[in-house]
Amino acid sequence: MAHSHPPDMNLPSLNLSKLNIELGGRSIIRDLDLQVDPGEFLVLLGPSGCGKSTLLHSIAGLVEARSGAIEIGGRDMTWAEPSERGIGMVFQSYALYPTMTVEANMSFGLKIAGTPKQEVQRRVREAAALLQLDSLLGRKPAQLSGGQRQRVAIGRALVRQARVLLFDEPLSNLDAKLRAELRRELKLLHQTLGSTMIYVTHDQVEAMTLASRIVVMEKGSIQQVGTPAEVYARPANRFVAGFLGAPPMGFVDGELDGWGRFVADGLALLPAPGCCAPNQHTRRAVLGVRPEHVTIGQGPYAGEVSLVEPMGNHQVVWLRCGAQTLAALEHDGRVFAPGQRVAFGIDAARVSLFDPGSGVRL
């Protein structure tokens, strides 16, 4: 794991084993195992309702596990009070006290815990400097922008000097420009502090840009864990493949012949060796193609342009070929019109193949 600096040896690792969580009699998390390395920025990614926030809240001690274990720094914390876990939490709703100043909001928890006054001031000053809040310490939340309020909420977690910071969709209430800014700030904050961070989002861009590792979740279980590059390039199954990437991966139903060639209506290609296990028989398969691996203008296939989406620095061109539609990314400013016939190629070394029934990578 590459770090911008060696991880703090006092940072705890976090281990979840055989974790089961039920809410209202419904099983939300099933037999979940996960290991978080000290100093890691781990992102839990998945659609709404997949259990990622519930998992985060159980690590914090806000939701009780039915069975299994939560270990923080080698100690069993499954039934420990939230205050005993050494964790700082940042929510989607900023949860600030409206009548208190920024400074009072940030220091409130420390004062209640009986931290000496000078220590409180020092920690608040340090966190404020880190989050560019120095000039706002005397203001009330109503006088702040959404981005500033979220910074105060992050500051409140930082002053506790928690060794694990948990973020529950902290940017989803902000507009796109602010989201991008705060995303960069969070990444820089992690590089500066080196603390262990676990971050929940349904936004794949946040996951890809922030994570040292991504945990993709669906229906209460983990589908894949890996670096953003690994999960993007070699998705473990069709769900992961379709969830990451914008525009998403295109899927083509077809079959693999005895020679390992993929054949479909209007397409035939030989995926890279080792892409899937050899099999002497023809079998059904689903080909997965990322838009950046489709080139228009040259190649053995013919398609018809169905739609063009200008994106500023590139355009997404949707092609119809037989019964399938594939997207291609074009960066060179060529003009395409719906109905136009074009030749195109696919980078066979970069495709994925999935089992049509289970969706698992072949």
Protein backbone atom coordinates (compact mmCIF):
# COMPACT_ATOMS: atom_id res chain seq x y z
CA MET A 1 0.00 0.00 0.00
CA ALA A 2 1.56 3.29 -1.07
CA HIS A 3 1.37 6.04 1.52
CA SER A 4 2.60 9.60 1.13
CA HIS A 5 4.31 9.04 4.50
CA PRO A 6 4.77 6.00 6.77
CA PRO A 7 1.56 5.26 8.65
CA ASP A 8 1.47 6.19 12.33
CA MET A 9 2.36 3.02 14.23
CA ASN A 10 -0.29 3.88 16.84
CA LEU A 11 -3.04 3.75 14.25
CA PRO A 12 -5.40 0.85 14.80
CA SER A 13 -6.29 -1.73 12.24
CA LEU A 14 -9.96 -2.54 12.01
CA ASN A 15 -11.30 -6.06 11.55
CA LEU A 16 -14.87 -7.11 10.94
CA SER A 17 -15.56 -10.82 11.03
CA LYS A 18 -18.76 -12.76 10.35
CA LEU A 19 -20.76 -9.61 11.00
CA ASN A 20 -24.56 -9.93 10.88
CA ILE A 21 -26.87 -6.96 11.32
CA GLU A 22 -30.66 -6.98 11.39
CA LEU A 23 -32.95 -3.95 11.47
CA GLY A 24 -36.65 -4.38 12.14
CA GLY A 25 -36.37 -8.15 11.67
CA ARG A 26 -34.77 -7.74 8.23
CA SER A 27 -31.26 -8.98 7.54
CA ILE A 28 -29.19 -5.98 6.33
CA ILE A 29 -25.60 -7.29 6.55
CA ARG A 30 -24.83 -11.00 6.17
CA ASP A 31 -21.65 -12.81 7.31
CA LEU A 32 -19.46 -9.88 6.34
CA ASP A 33 -15.65 -10.04 6.67
CA LEU A 34 -13.50 -6.96 6.11
CA GLN A 35 -10.02 -5.89 7.10
CA VAL A 36 -9.07 -2.19 7.11
CA ASP A 37 -5.36 -1.36 7.21
CA PRO A 38 -3.97 1.37 9.49
CA GLY A 39 -3.87 4.73 7.68
CA GLU A 40 -6.01 3.52 4.79
CA PHE A 41 -8.70 5.55 3.00
CA LEU A 42 -11.32 2.85 2.49
CA VAL A 43 -14.48 3.71 0.55
CA LEU A 44 -17.71 1.69 0.89
CA LEU A 45 -19.48 2.07 -2.45
CA GLY A 46 -22.88 0.81 -3.53
CA PRO A 47 -26.44 1.76 -4.44
CA SER A 48 -28.95 3.11 -1.91
CA GLY A 49 -30.12 0.38 0.45
CA CYS A 50 -27.09 -1.91 0.01
CA GLY A 51 -26.16 -1.68 3.73
CA LYS A 52 -23.09 0.57 3.52
CA SER A 53 -24.33 3.23 5.99
CA THR A 54 -25.61 0.53 8.37
CA LEU A 55 -22.15 -1.06 8.28
CA LEU A 56 -20.50 2.29 9.05
CA HIS A 57 -22.93 2.95 11.93
CA SER A 58 -22.19 -0.47 13.40
CA ILE A 59 -18.43 0.29 13.36
CA ALA A 60 -19.26 3.52 15.22
CA GLY A 61 -21.43 1.66 17.72
CA LEU A 62 -24.67 3.37 16.68
CA VAL A 63 -26.22 0.14 15.32
CA GLU A 64 -25.91 -3.10 17.24
CA ALA A 65 -24.61 -6.24 15.53
CA ARG A 66 -26.68 -9.40 15.86
CA SER A 67 -23.55 -11.56 15.74
CA GLY A 68 -19.93 -11.44 14.64
CA ALA A 69 -17.08 -9.24 15.85
CA ILE A 70 -15.76 -5.69 15.41
CA GLU A 71 -12.11 -5.35 16.42
CA ILE A 72 -10.40 -1.98 16.57
CA GLY A 73 -6.66 -1.97 17.21
CA GLY A 74 -6.79 -5.66 18.19
CA ARG A 75 -9.47 -5.07 20.87
CA ASP A 76 -12.97 -6.49 20.64
CA MET A 77 -15.27 -3.47 20.43
CA THR A 78 -18.42 -5.28 19.27
CA TRP A 79 -20.41 -4.23 22.34
CA ALA A 80 -18.39 -1.16 23.38
CA GLU A 81 -20.05 2.24 23.77
CA PRO A 82 -19.47 4.65 20.83
CA SER A 83 -17.38 6.90 23.12
CA GLU A 84 -14.96 4.03 23.89
CA ARG A 85 -14.15 3.22 20.26
CA GLY A 86 -11.78 6.11 19.45
CA ILE A 87 -13.83 7.06 16.40
CA GLY A 88 -14.86 10.41 14.89
CA MET A 89 -18.00 10.52 12.78
CA VAL A 90 -19.06 12.97 10.05
CA PHE A 91 -22.66 12.74 8.83
CA GLN A 92 -24.45 13.85 5.68
CA SER A 93 -26.51 16.29 7.78
CA TYR A 94 -23.96 18.53 9.44
CA ALA A 95 -25.69 18.19 12.86
CA LEU A 96 -24.31 21.50 14.14
CA TYR A 97 -25.79 23.38 17.10
CA PRO A 98 -27.44 26.44 15.45
CA THR A 99 -27.04 28.75 18.47
CA MET A 100 -23.33 28.06 18.93
CA THR A 101 -20.39 29.62 17.08
CA VAL A 102 -18.10 27.52 14.90
CA GLU A 103 -15.56 27.46 17.72
CA ALA A 104 -18.15 26.34 20.28
CA ASN A 105 -19.46 23.63 17.93
CA MET A 106 -15.95 22.28 17.40
CA SER A 107 -15.00 22.34 21.08
CA PHE A 108 -18.30 21.18 22.61
CA GLY A 109 -17.45 17.47 22.79
CA LEU A 110 -14.02 18.14 24.28
CA LYS A 111 -15.44 20.43 26.99
CA ILE A 112 -18.02 17.82 27.97
CA ALA A 113 -15.22 15.24 28.20
CA GLY A 114 -13.39 17.57 30.62
CA THR A 115 -10.40 18.35 28.36
CA PRO A 116 -8.28 21.20 29.81
CA LYS A 117 -9.17 24.62 28.36
CA GLN A 118 -5.76 25.33 26.76
CA GLU A 119 -5.71 21.89 25.13
CA VAL A 120 -9.20 22.53 23.73
CA GLN A 121 -8.07 25.87 22.25
CA ARG A 122 -4.93 24.32 20.74
CA ARG A 123 -6.83 21.49 19.05
CA VAL A 124 -9.55 23.81 17.71
CA ARG A 125 -6.90 26.21 16.31
CA GLU A 126 -5.03 23.34 14.63
CA ALA A 127 -8.18 21.87 13.07
CA ALA A 128 -9.41 25.31 11.99
CA ALA A 129 -6.08 26.03 10.26
CA LEU A 130 -6.16 22.66 8.52
CA LEU A 131 -9.72 23.23 7.26
CA GLN A 132 -9.35 26.97 6.44
CA LEU A 133 -11.88 27.93 9.11
CA ASP A 134 -9.67 30.39 11.08
CA SER A 135 -11.60 33.46 9.98
CA LEU A 136 -15.00 31.84 10.65
CA LEU A 137 -14.61 30.72 14.28
CA GLY A 138 -16.91 33.48 15.60
CA ARG A 139 -19.75 32.81 13.14
CA LYS A 140 -22.93 30.80 13.66
CA PRO A 141 -23.90 27.94 11.27
CA ALA A 142 -26.65 30.06 9.64
CA GLN A 143 -23.94 32.48 8.42
CA LEU A 144 -21.99 29.71 6.69
CA SER A 145 -22.28 28.06 3.26
CA GLY A 146 -23.01 24.34 3.02
CA GLY A 147 -19.36 23.61 2.29
CA GLN A 148 -18.22 25.62 5.32
CA ARG A 149 -20.74 23.83 7.55
CA GLN A 150 -19.47 20.48 6.38
CA ARG A 151 -15.90 21.60 7.16
CA VAL A 152 -16.99 22.52 10.70
CA ALA A 153 -18.53 19.04 11.06
CA ILE A 154 -15.22 17.50 9.90
CA GLY A 155 -13.34 19.81 12.31
CA ARG A 156 -15.51 18.59 15.18
CA ALA A 157 -14.42 15.01 14.41
CA LEU A 158 -10.76 16.04 14.03
CA VAL A 159 -10.45 17.80 17.40
CA ARG A 160 -11.32 14.55 19.13
CA GLN A 161 -8.05 13.23 17.65
CA ALA A 162 -9.91 10.08 16.76
CA ARG A 163 -7.67 7.48 15.16
CA VAL A 164 -10.45 6.31 12.87
CA LEU A 165 -12.64 8.82 11.01
CA LEU A 166 -15.96 7.67 9.57
CA PHE A 167 -17.72 9.67 6.84
CA ASP A 168 -21.35 8.95 5.95
CA GLU A 169 -22.03 10.50 2.50
CA PRO A 170 -20.64 13.84 3.74
CA LEU A 171 -20.78 15.64 0.39
CA SER A 172 -24.17 14.59 -0.96
CA ASN A 173 -25.96 17.78 0.21
CA LEU A 174 -23.55 20.03 -1.72
CA ASP A 175 -23.65 21.22 -5.32
CA ALA A 176 -21.30 19.68 -7.90
CA LYS A 177 -18.61 22.38 -7.78
CA LEU A 178 -18.42 22.35 -3.96
CA ARG A 179 -18.43 18.56 -3.93
CA ALA A 180 -15.38 18.49 -6.21
CA GLU A 181 -13.58 21.10 -4.05
CA LEU A 182 -14.27 19.34 -0.76
CA ARG A 183 -13.34 16.00 -2.29
CA ARG A 184 -9.86 17.37 -3.08
CA GLU A 185 -9.62 18.84 0.41
CA LEU A 186 -10.51 15.50 2.00
CA LYS A 187 -7.83 13.75 -0.03
CA LEU A 188 -5.24 16.35 1.03
CA LEU A 189 -6.45 16.05 4.63
CA HIS A 190 -5.86 12.31 4.54
CA GLN A 191 -2.36 12.82 3.09
CA THR A 192 -1.61 15.30 5.89
CA LEU A 193 -3.11 13.38 8.82
CA GLY A 194 -2.54 9.81 7.66
CA SER A 195 -5.42 8.67 9.87
CA THR A 196 -7.59 5.70 9.00
CA MET A 197 -10.65 6.90 7.10
CA ILE A 198 -13.75 4.92 6.12
CA TYR A 199 -16.07 6.73 3.74
CA VAL A 200 -19.55 5.81 2.52
CA THR A 201 -20.82 6.98 -0.87
CA HIS A 202 -23.00 5.91 -3.80
CA ASP A 203 -20.98 8.27 -6.04
CA GLN A 204 -18.43 6.29 -8.06
CA VAL A 205 -16.38 9.42 -8.88
CA GLU A 206 -15.88 10.07 -5.15
CA ALA A 207 -14.93 6.44 -4.65
CA MET A 208 -12.46 6.31 -7.55
CA THR A 209 -10.74 9.61 -6.65
CA LEU A 210 -10.55 9.21 -2.84
CA ALA A 211 -10.02 5.54 -2.10
CA SER A 212 -6.83 3.65 -1.50
CA ARG A 213 -9.21 0.65 -1.71
CA ILE A 214 -12.86 0.39 -2.71
CA VAL A 215 -15.35 -2.04 -1.17
CA VAL A 216 -18.25 -2.51 -3.62
CA MET A 217 -21.43 -3.60 -1.82
CA GLU A 218 -24.80 -4.89 -2.99
CA LYS A 219 -27.66 -6.33 -0.91
CA GLY A 220 -25.70 -6.46 2.34
CA SER A 221 -22.66 -8.30 1.03
CA ILE A 222 -19.29 -7.38 -0.42
CA GLN A 223 -18.99 -7.92 -4.18
CA GLN A 224 -15.33 -6.91 -4.58
CA VAL A 225 -12.48 -5.25 -2.66
CA GLY A 226 -9.50 -3.71 -4.45
CA THR A 227 -7.71 -0.56 -5.51
CA PRO A 228 -9.77 1.73 -7.78
CA ALA A 229 -7.65 0.62 -10.76
CA GLU A 230 -8.15 -3.11 -10.02
CA VAL A 231 -11.89 -2.86 -9.51
CA TYR A 232 -12.28 -0.76 -12.67
CA ALA A 233 -10.08 -2.90 -14.93
CA ARG A 234 -11.06 -6.37 -13.65
CA PRO A 235 -14.56 -6.23 -12.15
CA ALA A 236 -15.36 -9.43 -10.24
CA ASN A 237 -18.89 -9.62 -11.63
CA ARG A 238 -21.37 -7.90 -13.87
CA PHE A 239 -22.84 -5.82 -11.02
CA VAL A 240 -19.44 -4.24 -10.20
CA ALA A 241 -18.72 -3.78 -13.92
CA GLY A 242 -21.98 -1.91 -14.47
CA PHE A 243 -21.73 0.18 -11.29
CA LEU A 244 -18.29 1.70 -12.00
CA GLY A 245 -17.64 3.85 -15.03
CA ALA A 246 -19.43 6.75 -16.72
CA PRO A 247 -20.78 6.05 -19.25
CA PRO A 248 -21.03 2.49 -17.91
CA MET A 249 -19.52 -0.62 -19.44
CA GLY A 250 -21.47 -1.91 -22.47
CA PHE A 251 -22.66 -5.54 -22.38
CA VAL A 252 -23.07 -7.84 -25.38
CA ASP A 253 -24.79 -11.25 -25.18
CA GLY A 254 -23.10 -13.93 -27.25
CA GLU A 255 -21.12 -17.14 -26.93
CA LEU A 256 -17.57 -18.42 -26.61
CA ASP A 257 -16.69 -21.08 -29.16
CA GLY A 258 -14.28 -23.96 -28.53
CA TRP A 259 -11.34 -21.75 -29.61
CA GLY A 260 -12.09 -19.11 -26.99
CA ARG A 261 -13.48 -16.66 -29.56
CA PHE A 262 -16.41 -14.48 -28.52
CA VAL A 263 -19.14 -14.39 -31.20
CA ALA A 264 -22.29 -12.27 -31.28
CA ASP A 265 -24.55 -10.64 -33.85
CA GLY A 266 -22.16 -8.40 -35.85
CA LEU A 267 -19.15 -9.05 -33.57
CA ALA A 268 -16.39 -11.66 -33.35
CA LEU A 269 -13.22 -11.21 -31.33
CA LEU A 270 -10.56 -13.21 -29.53
CA PRO A 271 -10.20 -11.89 -25.97
CA ALA A 272 -6.71 -11.73 -24.49
CA PRO A 273 -5.21 -15.10 -23.51
CA GLY A 274 -5.95 -15.89 -19.88
CA CYS A 275 -9.06 -13.70 -20.01
CA CYS A 276 -11.13 -16.78 -19.25
CA ALA A 277 -10.56 -20.48 -18.62
CA PRO A 278 -10.33 -22.57 -21.82
CA ASN A 279 -13.32 -24.75 -22.55
CA GLN A 280 -13.73 -27.17 -25.42
CA HIS A 281 -17.45 -26.50 -25.78
CA THR A 282 -19.41 -23.53 -27.03
CA ARG A 283 -21.06 -21.72 -24.13
CA ARG A 284 -23.09 -18.60 -23.54
CA ALA A 285 -21.16 -15.55 -22.35
CA VAL A 286 -21.56 -11.80 -21.87
CA LEU A 287 -18.86 -9.49 -23.21
CA GLY A 288 -18.15 -6.30 -21.26
CA VAL A 289 -16.57 -3.34 -23.11
CA ARG A 290 -15.58 0.00 -21.58
CA PRO A 291 -16.33 3.03 -23.84
CA GLU A 292 -12.65 4.06 -23.89
CA HIS A 293 -11.75 0.72 -25.49
CA VAL A 294 -13.97 1.33 -28.54
CA THR A 295 -12.41 3.27 -31.45
CA ILE A 296 -14.48 4.78 -34.22
CA GLY A 297 -13.20 5.13 -37.80
CA GLN A 298 -11.13 1.99 -38.03
CA GLY A 299 -11.67 -1.64 -37.18
CA PRO A 300 -13.46 -4.74 -38.42
CA TYR A 301 -16.99 -3.89 -37.25
CA ALA A 302 -19.73 -1.71 -38.70
CA GLY A 303 -22.22 0.26 -36.64
CA GLU A 304 -24.70 3.09 -36.85
CA VAL A 305 -24.46 6.23 -34.69
CA SER A 306 -27.66 6.43 -32.60
CA LEU A 307 -26.84 9.34 -30.27
CA VAL A 308 -24.05 11.88 -29.67
CA GLU A 309 -23.51 13.49 -26.23
CA PRO A 310 -21.08 16.45 -26.20
CA MET A 311 -19.15 16.59 -22.89
CA GLY A 312 -16.92 19.60 -23.43
CA ASN A 313 -13.47 18.02 -23.69
CA HIS A 314 -14.84 14.84 -25.28
CA GLN A 315 -18.03 13.37 -26.72
CA VAL A 316 -19.83 10.11 -26.06
CA VAL A 317 -20.92 8.43 -29.29
CA TRP A 318 -23.48 5.64 -28.98
CA LEU A 319 -23.27 2.96 -31.69
CA ARG A 320 -25.85 0.39 -32.71
CA CYS A 321 -24.35 -2.86 -33.97
CA GLY A 322 -26.78 -5.71 -34.58
CA ALA A 323 -28.91 -6.00 -31.43
CA GLN A 324 -26.36 -4.23 -29.19
CA THR A 325 -25.59 -0.63 -28.34
CA LEU A 326 -22.04 0.35 -27.33
CA ALA A 327 -20.67 3.72 -26.23
CA ALA A 328 -17.36 5.14 -27.48
CA LEU A 329 -15.39 8.15 -26.18
CA GLU A 330 -14.07 10.55 -28.81
CA HIS A 331 -11.58 13.31 -27.95
CA ASP A 332 -10.55 14.64 -31.37
CA GLY A 333 -13.50 16.87 -32.25
CA ARG A 334 -14.76 14.83 -35.22
CA VAL A 335 -18.41 15.45 -36.04
CA PHE A 336 -20.82 12.52 -35.90
CA ALA A 337 -24.51 12.53 -36.80
CA PRO A 338 -27.26 10.11 -35.79
CA GLY A 339 -27.85 7.56 -38.56
CA GLN A 340 -24.25 7.77 -39.81
CA ARG A 341 -22.59 4.40 -40.63
CA VAL A 342 -19.10 4.01 -39.16
CA ALA A 343 -16.39 1.40 -38.83
CA PHE A 344 -15.22 0.67 -35.29
CA GLY A 345 -12.80 -1.52 -33.38
CA ILE A 346 -12.64 -2.98 -29.86
CA ASP A 347 -9.44 -3.41 -27.83
CA ALA A 348 -9.74 -7.18 -27.26
CA ALA A 349 -6.96 -7.15 -24.64
CA ARG A 350 -9.08 -4.99 -22.30
CA VAL A 351 -12.52 -6.62 -22.45
CA SER A 352 -14.25 -8.57 -19.67
CA LEU A 353 -16.31 -11.75 -19.97
CA PHE A 354 -19.09 -12.74 -17.58
CA ASP A 355 -21.24 -15.79 -16.99
CA PRO A 356 -24.80 -14.93 -18.17
CA GLY A 357 -26.44 -16.74 -15.24
CA SER A 358 -24.38 -15.87 -12.17
CA GLY A 359 -22.83 -12.68 -13.59
CA VAL A 360 -19.42 -13.81 -12.27
CA ARG A 361 -16.28 -12.94 -14.25
CA LEU A 362 -15.16 -15.85 -16.45
